[in-house]
N, C-alpha and C. Protein backbone atom coordinates (compact mmCIF):
# COMPACT_ATOMS: atom_id res chain seq x y z
N MET A 1 64.87 -31.12 61.69
CA MET A 1 65.15 -31.65 60.34
C MET A 1 65.73 -30.65 59.32
N GLY A 2 66.66 -31.06 58.54
CA GLY A 2 67.18 -30.11 57.57
C GLY A 2 66.38 -30.37 56.14
N PHE A 3 66.86 -29.63 55.30
CA PHE A 3 66.09 -29.61 53.90
C PHE A 3 66.14 -30.91 53.36
N ARG A 4 67.29 -31.66 53.27
CA ARG A 4 67.40 -32.96 52.65
C ARG A 4 66.42 -34.01 53.37
N ASP A 5 66.51 -33.88 54.64
CA ASP A 5 65.58 -34.87 55.36
C ASP A 5 64.15 -34.71 55.18
N LYS A 6 63.70 -33.46 55.05
CA LYS A 6 62.38 -33.28 54.65
C LYS A 6 62.02 -33.62 53.25
N LEU A 7 63.01 -33.48 52.38
CA LEU A 7 62.74 -33.82 50.94
C LEU A 7 62.71 -35.24 50.85
N THR A 8 63.53 -36.03 51.41
CA THR A 8 63.55 -37.52 51.31
C THR A 8 62.31 -37.94 52.15
N GLU A 9 61.82 -37.47 53.10
CA GLU A 9 60.67 -37.93 53.77
C GLU A 9 59.59 -37.70 53.01
N TYR A 10 59.34 -36.49 52.28
CA TYR A 10 58.27 -36.17 51.42
C TYR A 10 58.32 -37.27 50.29
N TYR A 11 59.34 -37.54 49.76
CA TYR A 11 59.48 -38.43 48.53
C TYR A 11 58.98 -39.80 48.99
N THR A 12 59.51 -40.34 50.25
CA THR A 12 59.20 -41.60 50.68
C THR A 12 57.70 -41.74 50.88
N LYS A 13 56.94 -40.55 51.56
CA LYS A 13 55.65 -40.81 51.87
C LYS A 13 54.78 -40.70 50.48
N SER A 14 55.32 -39.92 49.55
CA SER A 14 54.40 -39.93 48.32
C SER A 14 54.55 -41.22 47.48
N TYR A 15 55.70 -41.88 47.70
CA TYR A 15 55.98 -43.16 46.92
C TYR A 15 55.02 -44.27 47.54
N PHE A 16 55.13 -44.35 49.00
CA PHE A 16 54.22 -45.32 49.66
C PHE A 16 52.78 -44.94 49.38
N LYS A 17 52.46 -43.67 49.24
CA LYS A 17 51.16 -43.38 49.00
C LYS A 17 50.63 -43.96 47.71
N LYS A 18 51.47 -43.90 46.65
CA LYS A 18 51.23 -44.16 45.38
C LYS A 18 51.25 -45.80 45.17
N TYR A 19 52.36 -46.39 45.64
CA TYR A 19 52.61 -47.76 45.34
C TYR A 19 52.60 -48.68 46.61
N GLY A 20 52.06 -48.23 47.75
CA GLY A 20 52.19 -48.85 49.02
C GLY A 20 51.39 -50.20 48.93
N ASP A 21 50.25 -50.20 48.34
CA ASP A 21 49.30 -51.56 48.34
C ASP A 21 49.98 -52.57 47.22
N ARG A 22 50.87 -52.08 46.43
CA ARG A 22 51.36 -53.00 45.44
C ARG A 22 52.76 -53.45 45.72
N LEU A 23 53.45 -52.93 46.67
CA LEU A 23 54.80 -53.42 47.03
C LEU A 23 54.67 -54.76 47.64
N THR A 24 55.61 -55.60 47.08
CA THR A 24 55.59 -57.13 47.59
C THR A 24 57.08 -57.44 47.92
N GLN A 25 57.37 -58.56 48.50
CA GLN A 25 58.59 -59.11 48.74
C GLN A 25 58.41 -60.59 48.80
N SER A 26 59.19 -61.31 48.07
CA SER A 26 58.98 -62.78 48.03
C SER A 26 60.44 -63.40 48.18
N GLN A 27 60.63 -64.48 48.83
CA GLN A 27 61.83 -65.19 49.04
C GLN A 27 61.71 -66.72 48.52
N GLY A 28 62.54 -67.16 47.79
CA GLY A 28 62.58 -68.60 47.27
C GLY A 28 63.69 -68.78 46.43
N ASN A 29 63.60 -70.01 45.77
CA ASN A 29 64.69 -70.46 44.96
C ASN A 29 64.26 -70.23 43.60
N ILE A 30 65.43 -69.99 42.84
CA ILE A 30 65.20 -69.70 41.33
C ILE A 30 64.96 -70.93 40.50
N LEU A 31 63.84 -70.93 39.67
CA LEU A 31 63.63 -72.14 38.65
C LEU A 31 64.24 -71.79 37.50
N SER A 32 64.12 -70.56 36.86
CA SER A 32 64.71 -70.21 35.63
C SER A 32 64.93 -68.93 35.42
N VAL A 33 65.88 -68.45 34.63
CA VAL A 33 66.27 -67.03 34.38
C VAL A 33 66.43 -66.92 32.89
N LYS A 34 65.78 -65.87 32.23
CA LYS A 34 66.14 -65.67 30.76
C LYS A 34 66.37 -64.19 30.66
N VAL A 35 67.60 -63.89 30.08
CA VAL A 35 67.87 -62.45 30.01
C VAL A 35 67.99 -62.23 28.43
N ASN A 36 67.45 -61.07 27.98
CA ASN A 36 67.40 -60.74 26.64
C ASN A 36 67.87 -59.15 26.63
N ILE A 37 68.67 -59.05 25.49
CA ILE A 37 69.21 -57.57 25.43
C ILE A 37 68.85 -57.25 24.03
N LYS A 38 68.14 -56.24 23.67
CA LYS A 38 67.80 -55.71 22.38
C LYS A 38 68.57 -54.37 22.25
N LYS A 39 69.11 -54.02 21.00
CA LYS A 39 69.71 -52.82 20.75
C LYS A 39 69.15 -52.23 19.53
N TYR A 40 68.84 -50.95 19.42
CA TYR A 40 68.42 -50.23 18.36
C TYR A 40 69.46 -49.16 17.90
N LEU A 41 69.87 -49.38 16.75
CA LEU A 41 70.76 -48.40 16.17
C LEU A 41 72.04 -48.24 16.77
N TRP A 42 72.55 -49.31 17.57
CA TRP A 42 73.64 -49.34 18.29
C TRP A 42 73.76 -48.09 19.41
N ILE A 43 72.63 -47.54 19.73
CA ILE A 43 72.59 -46.46 20.61
C ILE A 43 71.74 -46.84 21.95
N PHE A 44 70.63 -47.28 21.62
CA PHE A 44 69.63 -47.56 22.73
C PHE A 44 69.54 -49.06 23.02
N TYR A 45 69.70 -49.38 24.29
CA TYR A 45 69.59 -50.77 24.68
C TYR A 45 68.55 -50.99 25.63
N ILE A 46 67.92 -52.12 25.54
CA ILE A 46 66.71 -52.48 26.43
C ILE A 46 67.10 -53.97 26.87
N LEU A 47 67.17 -54.06 28.33
CA LEU A 47 67.41 -55.30 28.94
C LEU A 47 66.21 -55.79 29.60
N THR A 48 65.86 -57.11 29.13
CA THR A 48 64.56 -57.69 29.68
C THR A 48 65.04 -59.03 30.35
N ALA A 49 64.81 -59.13 31.58
CA ALA A 49 64.99 -60.45 32.36
C ALA A 49 63.79 -60.95 32.91
N ILE A 50 63.55 -62.29 32.60
CA ILE A 50 62.37 -62.94 33.22
C ILE A 50 62.89 -63.96 34.11
N VAL A 51 62.43 -63.81 35.48
CA VAL A 51 62.88 -64.63 36.47
C VAL A 51 61.66 -65.38 37.09
N VAL A 52 61.79 -66.77 37.11
CA VAL A 52 60.83 -67.55 37.75
C VAL A 52 61.27 -68.15 39.06
N ILE A 53 60.47 -67.85 40.14
CA ILE A 53 60.88 -68.36 41.50
C ILE A 53 59.90 -69.25 42.10
N LYS A 54 60.25 -70.07 42.91
CA LYS A 54 59.38 -70.97 43.73
C LYS A 54 59.55 -70.58 45.13
N PRO A 55 58.72 -69.82 45.70
CA PRO A 55 58.74 -69.43 47.12
C PRO A 55 58.91 -70.46 48.13
N GLN A 56 59.53 -70.33 49.28
CA GLN A 56 59.75 -71.38 50.25
C GLN A 56 58.43 -71.79 50.80
N ASN A 57 58.22 -73.04 51.15
CA ASN A 57 57.19 -73.51 51.89
C ASN A 57 55.85 -73.23 50.91
N SER A 58 55.94 -73.38 49.66
CA SER A 58 54.80 -72.98 48.83
C SER A 58 54.84 -73.85 47.53
N ARG A 59 53.76 -74.17 46.96
CA ARG A 59 53.74 -74.98 45.74
C ARG A 59 53.66 -74.17 44.50
N ASN A 60 53.09 -72.90 44.65
CA ASN A 60 53.04 -72.07 43.34
C ASN A 60 54.30 -71.52 43.05
N ILE A 61 54.39 -70.84 41.80
CA ILE A 61 55.60 -70.32 41.26
C ILE A 61 55.17 -68.70 40.86
N ILE A 62 56.13 -67.82 41.00
CA ILE A 62 55.88 -66.51 40.64
C ILE A 62 56.86 -66.21 39.44
N LYS A 63 56.26 -65.42 38.47
CA LYS A 63 56.95 -64.85 37.27
C LYS A 63 57.40 -63.38 37.63
N CYS A 64 58.69 -63.11 37.61
CA CYS A 64 59.01 -61.68 37.82
C CYS A 64 59.69 -61.15 36.50
N ILE A 65 59.52 -59.84 36.37
CA ILE A 65 60.09 -59.22 35.07
C ILE A 65 60.94 -58.12 35.49
N TYR A 66 62.09 -57.87 34.84
CA TYR A 66 62.96 -56.67 35.10
C TYR A 66 63.25 -56.14 33.76
N LYS A 67 62.91 -54.83 33.55
CA LYS A 67 63.19 -54.12 32.33
C LYS A 67 63.99 -52.98 32.68
N LYS A 68 65.06 -52.72 31.82
CA LYS A 68 65.94 -51.49 32.13
C LYS A 68 66.26 -50.95 30.68
N LYS A 69 66.15 -49.73 30.42
CA LYS A 69 66.43 -48.97 29.22
C LYS A 69 67.52 -48.10 29.50
N ARG A 70 68.57 -48.05 28.50
CA ARG A 70 69.70 -47.08 28.70
C ARG A 70 70.27 -46.83 27.25
N TRP A 71 70.78 -45.54 27.37
CA TRP A 71 71.37 -45.01 26.21
C TRP A 71 72.96 -45.22 26.18
N PHE A 72 73.46 -45.72 25.07
CA PHE A 72 74.92 -45.81 24.82
C PHE A 72 75.69 -46.94 25.54
N LYS A 73 75.22 -47.29 26.69
CA LYS A 73 75.80 -48.49 27.38
C LYS A 73 74.91 -49.53 27.67
N LYS A 74 75.47 -50.78 27.75
CA LYS A 74 74.66 -51.84 27.91
C LYS A 74 74.20 -51.90 29.42
N PRO A 75 72.97 -52.19 29.69
CA PRO A 75 72.54 -52.27 31.08
C PRO A 75 73.14 -53.48 31.80
N HIS A 76 73.27 -53.34 33.11
CA HIS A 76 73.96 -54.51 33.77
C HIS A 76 72.82 -55.38 34.55
N PHE A 77 73.07 -56.57 34.63
CA PHE A 77 72.25 -57.54 35.36
C PHE A 77 73.12 -58.43 36.01
N MET A 78 72.77 -58.93 37.25
CA MET A 78 73.50 -59.66 38.02
C MET A 78 73.46 -61.32 37.56
N ASN A 79 74.53 -61.87 37.95
CA ASN A 79 74.66 -63.37 37.66
C ASN A 79 73.73 -64.02 38.71
N ILE A 80 72.77 -64.77 38.09
CA ILE A 80 71.83 -65.53 38.91
C ILE A 80 71.83 -67.03 38.18
N ASN A 81 71.78 -68.07 38.85
CA ASN A 81 71.69 -69.43 38.40
C ASN A 81 70.55 -70.09 39.18
N GLN A 82 70.25 -71.20 38.44
CA GLN A 82 69.14 -71.98 38.96
C GLN A 82 69.44 -72.52 40.27
N GLY A 83 68.53 -72.36 41.24
CA GLY A 83 68.85 -72.99 42.58
C GLY A 83 69.32 -72.12 43.56
N HIS A 84 69.69 -70.78 43.14
CA HIS A 84 70.02 -69.82 44.22
C HIS A 84 68.86 -69.37 44.95
N LEU A 85 69.14 -68.97 46.22
CA LEU A 85 68.14 -68.53 47.12
C LEU A 85 68.12 -66.94 47.08
N VAL A 86 67.07 -66.41 46.70
CA VAL A 86 66.96 -64.92 46.50
C VAL A 86 65.76 -64.29 47.27
N ILE A 87 65.84 -63.09 47.50
CA ILE A 87 64.75 -62.17 47.93
C ILE A 87 64.39 -61.15 46.77
N ILE A 88 63.30 -61.12 46.34
CA ILE A 88 62.83 -60.26 45.22
C ILE A 88 62.00 -59.26 45.75
N GLN A 89 62.36 -57.98 45.66
CA GLN A 89 61.53 -56.77 46.07
C GLN A 89 60.91 -56.15 44.89
N ALA A 90 59.47 -56.37 44.71
CA ALA A 90 58.84 -55.88 43.52
C ALA A 90 57.47 -55.23 43.63
N LEU A 91 57.13 -54.75 42.51
CA LEU A 91 55.57 -54.14 42.48
C LEU A 91 54.76 -55.13 41.79
N ARG A 92 53.55 -55.29 42.24
CA ARG A 92 52.57 -56.00 41.45
C ARG A 92 52.11 -55.24 40.21
N ASP A 93 51.66 -55.87 39.19
CA ASP A 93 51.22 -55.23 38.02
C ASP A 93 49.56 -54.81 38.29
N LYS A 94 49.30 -53.76 37.81
CA LYS A 94 47.94 -53.30 38.04
C LYS A 94 46.99 -54.14 37.32
N LYS A 95 47.35 -54.49 36.03
CA LYS A 95 46.48 -55.35 35.12
C LYS A 95 46.61 -56.78 35.38
N ASN A 96 47.81 -57.24 35.37
CA ASN A 96 47.96 -58.71 35.62
C ASN A 96 48.60 -58.88 37.00
N HIS A 97 47.83 -59.44 38.05
CA HIS A 97 48.24 -59.37 39.28
C HIS A 97 49.37 -60.66 39.49
N GLU A 98 49.43 -61.49 38.57
CA GLU A 98 50.45 -62.64 38.63
C GLU A 98 51.88 -62.31 38.46
N ASN A 99 52.08 -61.24 37.54
CA ASN A 99 53.46 -60.90 37.30
C ASN A 99 53.86 -59.83 38.34
N LEU A 100 55.30 -59.75 38.58
CA LEU A 100 55.79 -58.82 39.37
C LEU A 100 56.86 -58.10 38.63
N LYS A 101 56.86 -56.67 38.82
CA LYS A 101 57.90 -55.84 38.29
C LYS A 101 59.08 -55.76 39.28
N ILE A 102 60.29 -56.29 38.94
CA ILE A 102 61.35 -56.35 39.79
C ILE A 102 61.99 -54.88 40.08
N LEU A 103 62.15 -54.59 41.44
CA LEU A 103 62.88 -53.24 41.77
C LEU A 103 64.25 -53.71 42.30
N ASN A 104 64.41 -54.73 43.03
CA ASN A 104 65.63 -55.21 43.55
C ASN A 104 65.68 -56.72 43.85
N ILE A 105 66.79 -57.21 43.57
CA ILE A 105 67.05 -58.74 43.84
C ILE A 105 68.30 -58.83 44.76
N ARG A 106 67.96 -59.55 45.91
CA ARG A 106 69.05 -59.69 47.00
C ARG A 106 69.37 -61.19 46.85
N ASN A 107 70.52 -61.57 46.40
CA ASN A 107 70.94 -63.03 46.34
C ASN A 107 71.58 -63.42 47.66
N LEU A 108 70.89 -64.42 48.33
CA LEU A 108 71.39 -64.76 49.52
C LEU A 108 72.41 -65.82 49.40
N SER A 109 72.48 -66.52 48.19
CA SER A 109 73.65 -67.46 47.91
C SER A 109 75.06 -66.76 47.78
N ASN A 110 74.99 -65.73 46.91
CA ASN A 110 76.26 -65.00 46.68
C ASN A 110 76.59 -63.82 47.42
N LYS A 111 75.48 -63.42 48.18
CA LYS A 111 75.64 -62.12 49.02
C LYS A 111 75.74 -60.96 48.05
N GLN A 112 74.99 -60.86 47.06
CA GLN A 112 74.90 -59.79 46.06
C GLN A 112 73.61 -59.16 46.04
N ASP A 113 73.67 -57.94 45.59
CA ASP A 113 72.43 -57.05 45.18
C ASP A 113 72.30 -56.51 43.83
N LEU A 114 71.15 -56.53 43.18
CA LEU A 114 71.04 -55.94 41.96
C LEU A 114 71.34 -54.28 42.14
N ILE A 115 70.70 -53.83 43.03
CA ILE A 115 70.93 -52.45 43.44
C ILE A 115 71.60 -52.37 44.82
N PRO A 116 72.80 -51.90 45.11
CA PRO A 116 73.39 -51.96 46.27
C PRO A 116 72.62 -51.23 47.45
N VAL A 117 72.41 -51.96 48.50
CA VAL A 117 71.76 -51.42 49.84
C VAL A 117 72.77 -51.30 50.86
N ASN A 118 72.60 -50.38 51.77
CA ASN A 118 73.54 -50.29 52.83
C ASN A 118 73.19 -51.25 54.03
N GLN A 119 72.08 -51.85 53.80
CA GLN A 119 71.67 -52.75 55.05
C GLN A 119 72.44 -54.12 55.00
N PRO A 120 72.73 -54.79 55.97
CA PRO A 120 73.36 -56.12 55.83
C PRO A 120 72.35 -57.19 55.23
N GLN A 121 73.04 -58.19 54.69
CA GLN A 121 72.32 -59.21 54.12
C GLN A 121 71.35 -59.97 55.17
N PRO A 122 70.11 -60.11 54.98
CA PRO A 122 69.29 -60.85 55.86
C PRO A 122 69.49 -62.37 55.65
N LYS A 123 69.43 -63.06 56.77
CA LYS A 123 69.50 -64.43 56.93
C LYS A 123 68.29 -65.25 56.39
N SER A 124 68.22 -66.20 55.82
CA SER A 124 67.24 -66.91 55.19
C SER A 124 66.31 -67.55 56.38
N ILE A 125 65.02 -67.56 56.17
CA ILE A 125 64.13 -67.99 57.08
C ILE A 125 64.07 -69.55 57.03
N THR A 126 64.26 -70.16 58.12
CA THR A 126 64.31 -71.67 58.02
C THR A 126 63.37 -72.09 59.18
N LYS A 127 62.67 -72.99 58.87
CA LYS A 127 61.66 -73.58 59.75
C LYS A 127 62.21 -74.97 60.26
N ILE A 128 62.04 -75.16 61.63
CA ILE A 128 62.54 -76.44 62.11
C ILE A 128 61.23 -77.17 62.36
N GLN A 129 61.39 -78.50 61.90
CA GLN A 129 60.23 -79.37 62.01
C GLN A 129 60.62 -80.30 63.28
N ARG A 130 59.62 -80.28 64.08
CA ARG A 130 59.72 -81.18 65.41
C ARG A 130 58.87 -82.45 65.29
N ILE A 131 59.41 -83.49 65.64
CA ILE A 131 58.74 -84.70 65.50
C ILE A 131 58.18 -85.08 66.95
N ARG A 132 56.86 -85.09 66.96
CA ARG A 132 56.08 -85.38 68.20
C ARG A 132 56.09 -86.97 68.47
N LYS A 133 56.41 -87.32 69.63
CA LYS A 133 56.30 -88.70 69.99
C LYS A 133 55.15 -89.02 70.93
């Protein structure tokens, strides 16, 4: 292994050691999206997006929060509409386990990612209900 490989392996192991028990992934339809951009002195921008999704084959809902801070330029957030099928990769909050902090969003309806990933888009999980006679 080269130096880069050792370094990336070290970072991934330390990341999973720190956040491994809090990493979650949920797939479902979007119920609502609220995007808010605040700017301070025309220099500092804070983007806050609140996404509420309903997981497939479940009755409960999940509230996910995405925060991005940036200097001089407006932060970018992808176009998401109600009813889109998405996979949300997130971290659970330490204090409030109901909320999720979004790391990445993979939109299965548009085939877009919030943060581009080199892997192909996963196909949505579908269950086939069989009628017994």
